[in-house]
Amino acid sequence: MASPRIALVTCPDVLLDPDWDRDLPLAVAGLESAGADPVVVCWNDPHADWAAFDLVVIRSAWDYFKSVEEFLAWADKCAEVTTLANSTEVVRWNVDKRYLGDLSRAGVPVVETRYLAPGDAVGLPDEGEFVIKPTLGAGALFTARYPSKERETAVRQVARMHAEGMTAMVQPYMRSIDVRGERALHFAGGRFLHATRKSAVLVQGAPYDAYKFPHPQLRTWEATAAELDVAEQALAAVPGGSGLLYGRVDVVDGDDGRPRVLELELVEPHLFFYLHPASLPVFVAATVEAAVA
């Protein structure tokens, strides 16, 4: 039987600076050791022959939000000629963070979120800290944390986002992040792999358009039963998500101490195999299985 050819999809920025995606060389080496033929390809490479692969895995296409319609068109075309992981249905649903509303309606505990589309009145909380972020984005760009006294600055941020066609999200700042951080639960092939914890990304006063280090003080974490339960609820509520190859569920604690979903990453999440090397063979096995199915 021929070795399954597997495309690991990235973007030009990662090729220029491989340290951006520390999972990628580990995945390549793991797949080669398992007898597969992995190839790193940019999603927008005009010369790529996607039909030549048994499986295409979106690994670190981290520039997709800059041209999301082009990216989604690529995903559709790719899925016509081979197997794409995760599926186009999942990708289309997950690139827009309005999925949090779907999860909430499905009964999943999520961080309370309001959406302000261009043309909507800019209603912001009267008291307490809050966060503004775009429904479509990455790397905490156009994301900022505000105390109530800085409402006017927040209004200007939303106005700029609306001028650029963005829909804004407004969430309460979850104060537990400053103490317990954000925890991420990672999955592959329907199995829980491991968990990580990072400190707060957002600090007061940091401009919304400034670079923010996305994973400060990253470390391993032992997921609690409550965190695992919420993560599994979220994954079970994903439309068309029964065949997910990979996923990451980011949770934070509410004021009641119970975990809530902050984000659900099903398109191109960091999986942090360099912190959890024992998880790599599980991911590799699930990927090879998907390629030969």
Protein backbone atom coordinates (compact mmCIF):
# COMPACT_ATOMS: atom_id res chain seq x y z
CA MET A 1 0.00 0.00 0.00
CA ALA A 2 1.36 3.43 -0.96
CA SER A 3 2.19 5.91 1.76
CA PRO A 4 -0.70 8.35 2.28
CA ARG A 5 0.17 11.83 1.01
CA ILE A 6 -0.86 14.43 3.54
CA ALA A 7 -0.72 18.20 3.00
CA LEU A 8 -0.06 20.27 6.09
CA VAL A 9 -1.43 23.67 5.20
CA THR A 10 0.31 26.82 6.36
CA CYS A 11 0.90 30.39 5.16
CA PRO A 12 3.90 32.34 3.81
CA ASP A 13 4.64 34.00 7.15
CA VAL A 14 5.29 30.62 8.76
CA LEU A 15 7.65 29.63 5.96
CA LEU A 16 9.58 32.85 6.56
CA ASP A 17 9.68 32.31 10.33
CA PRO A 18 9.25 28.61 11.25
CA ASP A 19 9.21 29.46 14.96
CA TRP A 20 5.69 30.76 14.46
CA ASP A 21 4.39 27.20 14.21
CA ARG A 22 6.44 24.94 16.44
CA ASP A 23 3.86 22.16 15.92
CA LEU A 24 4.56 21.95 12.18
CA PRO A 25 8.03 20.28 12.13
CA LEU A 26 6.92 17.93 14.89
CA ALA A 27 3.87 16.90 12.88
CA VAL A 28 6.00 16.37 9.77
CA ALA A 29 8.48 14.19 11.65
CA GLY A 30 5.72 12.22 13.37
CA LEU A 31 3.87 11.52 10.13
CA GLU A 32 7.08 10.46 8.40
CA SER A 33 7.84 8.05 11.25
CA ALA A 34 4.34 6.62 10.83
CA GLY A 35 5.00 5.88 7.15
CA ALA A 36 3.07 8.81 5.70
CA ASP A 37 4.30 11.33 3.12
CA PRO A 38 3.65 14.79 4.62
CA VAL A 39 4.15 17.93 2.53
CA VAL A 40 3.99 21.51 3.85
CA VAL A 41 1.99 23.73 1.46
CA CYS A 42 0.64 27.27 1.66
CA TRP A 43 -3.12 27.38 1.24
CA ASN A 44 -2.86 30.06 -1.44
CA ASP A 45 -0.05 28.43 -3.43
CA PRO A 46 -1.28 28.72 -7.05
CA HIS A 47 0.80 25.71 -8.10
CA ALA A 48 -0.48 23.28 -5.45
CA ASP A 49 -2.25 20.19 -6.77
CA TRP A 50 -4.66 19.43 -3.95
CA ALA A 51 -6.07 16.40 -5.73
CA ALA A 52 -2.65 14.76 -5.35
CA PHE A 53 -3.16 14.46 -1.59
CA ASP A 54 -5.17 11.86 0.31
CA LEU A 55 -5.79 14.37 3.09
CA VAL A 56 -5.34 18.13 3.48
CA VAL A 57 -4.94 19.30 7.07
CA ILE A 58 -5.26 23.01 7.83
CA ARG A 59 -2.35 23.52 10.21
CA SER A 60 -1.32 27.19 10.41
CA ALA A 61 -3.09 29.24 7.73
CA TRP A 62 -2.92 32.19 10.08
CA ASP A 63 -3.38 34.89 7.46
CA TYR A 64 -6.79 33.61 6.32
CA PHE A 65 -8.74 36.38 8.07
CA LYS A 66 -7.14 38.97 5.77
CA SER A 67 -8.90 37.42 2.76
CA VAL A 68 -11.52 35.16 4.28
CA GLU A 69 -13.71 34.82 1.20
CA GLU A 70 -10.72 33.68 -0.84
CA PHE A 71 -9.80 31.25 1.93
CA LEU A 72 -13.30 29.79 2.11
CA ALA A 73 -13.41 29.46 -1.69
CA TRP A 74 -10.11 27.59 -1.50
CA ALA A 75 -11.52 25.28 1.17
CA ASP A 76 -14.57 24.52 -0.97
CA LYS A 77 -12.47 23.74 -4.04
CA CYS A 78 -10.05 21.65 -2.02
CA ALA A 79 -12.86 19.59 -0.53
CA GLU A 80 -14.17 18.84 -4.03
CA VAL A 81 -11.03 16.90 -4.94
CA THR A 82 -9.81 15.42 -1.63
CA THR A 83 -10.57 15.20 2.08
CA LEU A 84 -10.17 18.44 4.03
CA ALA A 85 -9.71 18.53 7.79
CA ASN A 86 -11.51 20.03 9.36
CA SER A 87 -14.45 20.00 6.95
CA THR A 88 -15.62 23.04 5.01
CA GLU A 89 -18.86 23.09 7.00
CA VAL A 90 -16.89 23.33 10.23
CA VAL A 91 -14.45 25.87 8.80
CA ARG A 92 -17.22 28.18 7.55
CA TRP A 93 -18.96 28.03 10.92
CA ASN A 94 -15.84 28.50 13.02
CA VAL A 95 -14.08 31.39 11.25
CA ASP A 96 -16.79 33.77 12.51
CA LYS A 97 -16.97 34.07 16.29
CA ARG A 98 -20.72 34.52 16.15
CA TYR A 99 -20.60 30.75 16.68
CA LEU A 100 -20.58 31.62 20.41
CA GLY A 101 -24.24 32.52 20.02
CA ASP A 102 -24.94 29.10 18.51
CA LEU A 103 -23.15 27.40 21.40
CA SER A 104 -25.09 29.44 23.94
CA ARG A 105 -28.40 28.54 22.30
CA ALA A 106 -27.33 24.89 22.46
CA GLY A 107 -26.92 25.20 26.23
CA VAL A 108 -23.12 25.40 26.31
CA PRO A 109 -21.77 27.76 29.01
CA VAL A 110 -20.02 30.58 27.14
CA VAL A 111 -18.76 34.05 27.98
CA GLU A 112 -21.66 36.48 27.58
CA THR A 113 -21.31 38.16 24.18
CA ARG A 114 -23.09 40.93 22.28
CA TYR A 115 -22.48 41.70 18.61
CA LEU A 116 -22.35 45.13 16.99
CA ALA A 117 -22.51 45.00 13.21
CA PRO A 118 -21.84 48.05 11.00
CA GLY A 119 -24.87 50.29 11.31
CA ASP A 120 -25.81 49.09 14.79
CA ALA A 121 -25.96 51.55 17.68
CA VAL A 122 -22.81 51.27 19.79
CA GLY A 123 -24.13 50.16 23.15
CA LEU A 124 -21.41 49.47 25.70
CA PRO A 125 -21.56 48.43 29.37
CA ASP A 126 -22.15 51.26 31.85
CA GLU A 127 -19.90 49.73 34.47
CA GLY A 128 -17.21 47.10 34.86
CA GLU A 129 -14.38 46.20 32.53
CA PHE A 130 -15.21 44.93 29.09
CA VAL A 131 -13.47 43.62 25.97
CA ILE A 132 -14.03 44.54 22.34
CA LYS A 133 -12.82 42.24 19.59
CA PRO A 134 -13.76 41.42 15.99
CA THR A 135 -15.86 38.40 15.06
CA LEU A 136 -13.27 37.61 12.42
CA GLY A 137 -9.61 37.90 13.30
CA ALA A 138 -6.54 36.35 14.84
CA GLY A 139 -3.68 37.21 17.17
CA ALA A 140 -5.78 39.60 19.30
CA LEU A 141 -5.63 42.24 16.56
CA PHE A 142 -8.39 44.85 17.04
CA THR A 143 -8.88 43.50 20.55
CA ALA A 144 -8.69 45.62 23.69
CA ARG A 145 -9.70 45.68 27.35
CA TYR A 146 -11.42 48.78 28.71
CA PRO A 147 -12.50 50.10 32.09
CA SER A 148 -15.87 51.87 32.01
CA LYS A 149 -14.16 55.28 32.22
CA GLU A 150 -12.63 54.72 28.77
CA ARG A 151 -15.93 54.29 26.95
CA GLU A 152 -15.12 57.05 24.46
CA THR A 153 -11.94 55.30 23.38
CA ALA A 154 -13.92 52.09 23.02
CA VAL A 155 -16.54 53.87 20.91
CA ARG A 156 -13.79 55.11 18.59
CA GLN A 157 -12.47 51.56 18.24
CA VAL A 158 -15.90 50.25 17.27
CA ALA A 159 -16.34 53.13 14.82
CA ARG A 160 -13.08 52.26 13.11
CA MET A 161 -14.01 48.58 13.00
CA HIS A 162 -17.38 49.42 11.46
CA ALA A 163 -15.70 51.69 8.91
CA GLU A 164 -13.58 48.71 7.85
CA GLY A 165 -16.63 46.44 7.62
CA MET A 166 -15.98 44.50 10.84
CA THR A 167 -18.57 43.26 13.29
CA ALA A 168 -17.51 43.91 16.88
CA MET A 169 -18.02 41.63 19.87
CA VAL A 170 -18.50 43.05 23.36
CA GLN A 171 -17.79 40.80 26.34
CA PRO A 172 -17.32 41.41 30.05
CA TYR A 173 -13.68 41.12 31.04
CA MET A 174 -13.49 37.88 32.98
CA ARG A 175 -11.58 38.91 36.11
CA SER A 176 -10.57 35.33 36.86
CA ILE A 177 -8.13 35.50 33.94
CA ASP A 178 -5.83 37.69 36.04
CA VAL A 179 -5.65 34.91 38.65
CA ARG A 180 -6.22 31.58 36.89
CA GLY A 181 -5.48 32.58 33.31
CA GLU A 182 -7.02 31.01 30.23
CA ARG A 183 -6.97 27.23 29.88
CA ALA A 184 -7.00 25.44 26.56
CA LEU A 185 -8.15 21.84 26.16
CA HIS A 186 -6.81 20.11 23.05
CA PHE A 187 -8.43 17.23 21.15
CA ALA A 188 -7.56 14.98 18.20
CA GLY A 189 -9.57 12.22 16.59
CA GLY A 190 -12.32 12.66 19.15
CA ARG A 191 -9.91 12.14 22.06
CA PHE A 192 -8.80 14.58 24.71
CA LEU A 193 -5.06 15.11 24.38
CA HIS A 194 -3.86 17.57 26.98
CA ALA A 195 -4.41 21.04 28.43
CA THR A 196 -2.38 24.22 28.62
CA ARG A 197 -2.67 27.44 30.59
CA LYS A 198 -1.60 30.97 29.70
CA SER A 199 -1.68 34.27 31.54
CA ALA A 200 -3.79 37.27 30.54
CA VAL A 201 -3.16 38.48 26.99
CA LEU A 202 -4.94 41.83 27.41
CA VAL A 203 -3.71 44.56 29.72
CA GLN A 204 -5.41 47.88 30.33
CA GLY A 205 -4.10 50.64 28.13
CA ALA A 206 -2.77 48.44 25.34
CA PRO A 207 -4.01 49.91 22.02
CA TYR A 208 -6.41 47.73 20.10
CA ASP A 209 -4.24 47.84 16.99
CA ALA A 210 -0.98 47.02 18.80
CA TYR A 211 0.71 43.62 18.67
CA LYS A 212 -0.09 41.38 21.63
CA PHE A 213 1.85 38.25 22.48
CA PRO A 214 -0.80 35.53 22.10
CA HIS A 215 0.47 32.96 24.62
CA PRO A 216 2.13 34.65 27.61
CA GLN A 217 3.58 32.38 30.29
CA LEU A 218 2.33 29.26 28.56
CA ARG A 219 2.58 26.09 30.64
CA THR A 220 1.05 22.65 31.00
CA TRP A 221 -2.21 22.29 32.89
CA GLU A 222 -4.21 19.44 34.41
CA ALA A 223 -7.75 19.92 33.14
CA THR A 224 -10.47 19.69 35.76
CA ALA A 225 -13.55 17.54 35.34
CA ALA A 226 -15.67 20.69 34.97
CA GLU A 227 -13.39 22.09 32.25
CA LEU A 228 -13.44 18.81 30.35
CA ASP A 229 -17.23 18.63 30.61
CA VAL A 230 -17.69 22.13 29.16
CA ALA A 231 -15.18 21.44 26.37
CA GLU A 232 -16.93 18.24 25.39
CA GLN A 233 -20.29 20.01 25.42
CA ALA A 234 -18.89 22.63 23.04
CA LEU A 235 -17.46 20.09 20.62
CA ALA A 236 -20.69 18.08 20.64
CA ALA A 237 -22.62 21.21 19.61
CA VAL A 238 -20.52 21.92 16.50
CA PRO A 239 -22.64 21.65 13.32
CA GLY A 240 -21.18 18.85 11.24
CA GLY A 241 -18.53 18.26 13.88
CA SER A 242 -18.84 14.50 14.30
CA GLY A 243 -15.68 13.93 12.25
CA LEU A 244 -13.42 16.59 13.74
CA LEU A 245 -9.74 15.73 13.32
CA TYR A 246 -8.56 18.33 15.82
CA GLY A 247 -9.83 21.12 18.02
CA ARG A 248 -9.03 23.38 20.93
CA VAL A 249 -11.48 24.74 23.47
CA ASP A 250 -10.41 27.84 25.42
CA VAL A 251 -12.14 28.28 28.77
CA VAL A 252 -12.13 30.85 31.56
CA ASP A 253 -13.95 31.00 34.89
CA GLY A 254 -17.05 33.09 35.43
CA ASP A 255 -17.71 35.02 38.62
CA ASP A 256 -19.32 31.85 39.98
CA GLY A 257 -16.06 29.94 39.50
CA ARG A 258 -17.49 27.71 36.77
CA PRO A 259 -15.72 27.38 33.39
CA ARG A 260 -17.14 29.03 30.30
CA VAL A 261 -16.08 28.80 26.67
CA LEU A 262 -14.15 31.86 25.54
CA GLU A 263 -13.23 30.54 22.09
CA LEU A 264 -13.49 27.33 20.11
CA GLU A 265 -10.59 26.85 17.68
CA LEU A 266 -11.36 24.36 14.89
CA VAL A 267 -9.55 25.86 11.90
CA GLU A 268 -5.86 26.38 12.74
CA PRO A 269 -5.20 26.11 16.47
CA HIS A 270 -1.85 25.80 18.17
CA LEU A 271 -1.73 22.32 19.71
CA PHE A 272 1.55 22.77 21.63
CA PHE A 273 3.04 19.34 21.03
CA TYR A 274 6.39 20.66 22.20
CA LEU A 275 4.90 20.94 25.69
CA HIS A 276 3.10 17.59 25.44
CA PRO A 277 5.20 15.25 23.23
CA ALA A 278 3.18 12.21 24.32
CA SER A 279 0.16 13.64 22.50
CA LEU A 280 1.86 13.77 19.11
CA PRO A 281 1.48 10.02 18.32
CA VAL A 282 -2.27 10.29 19.01
CA PHE A 283 -2.60 13.17 16.57
CA VAL A 284 -0.45 11.36 14.01
CA ALA A 285 -2.50 8.16 14.27
CA ALA A 286 -5.77 10.07 13.87
CA THR A 287 -4.37 11.96 10.87
CA VAL A 288 -3.13 8.81 9.11
CA GLU A 289 -6.45 7.10 9.79
CA ALA A 290 -8.32 10.03 8.21
CA ALA A 291 -6.01 9.89 5.19
CA VAL A 292 -6.63 6.23 4.45
CA ALA A 293 -10.32 6.14 5.33
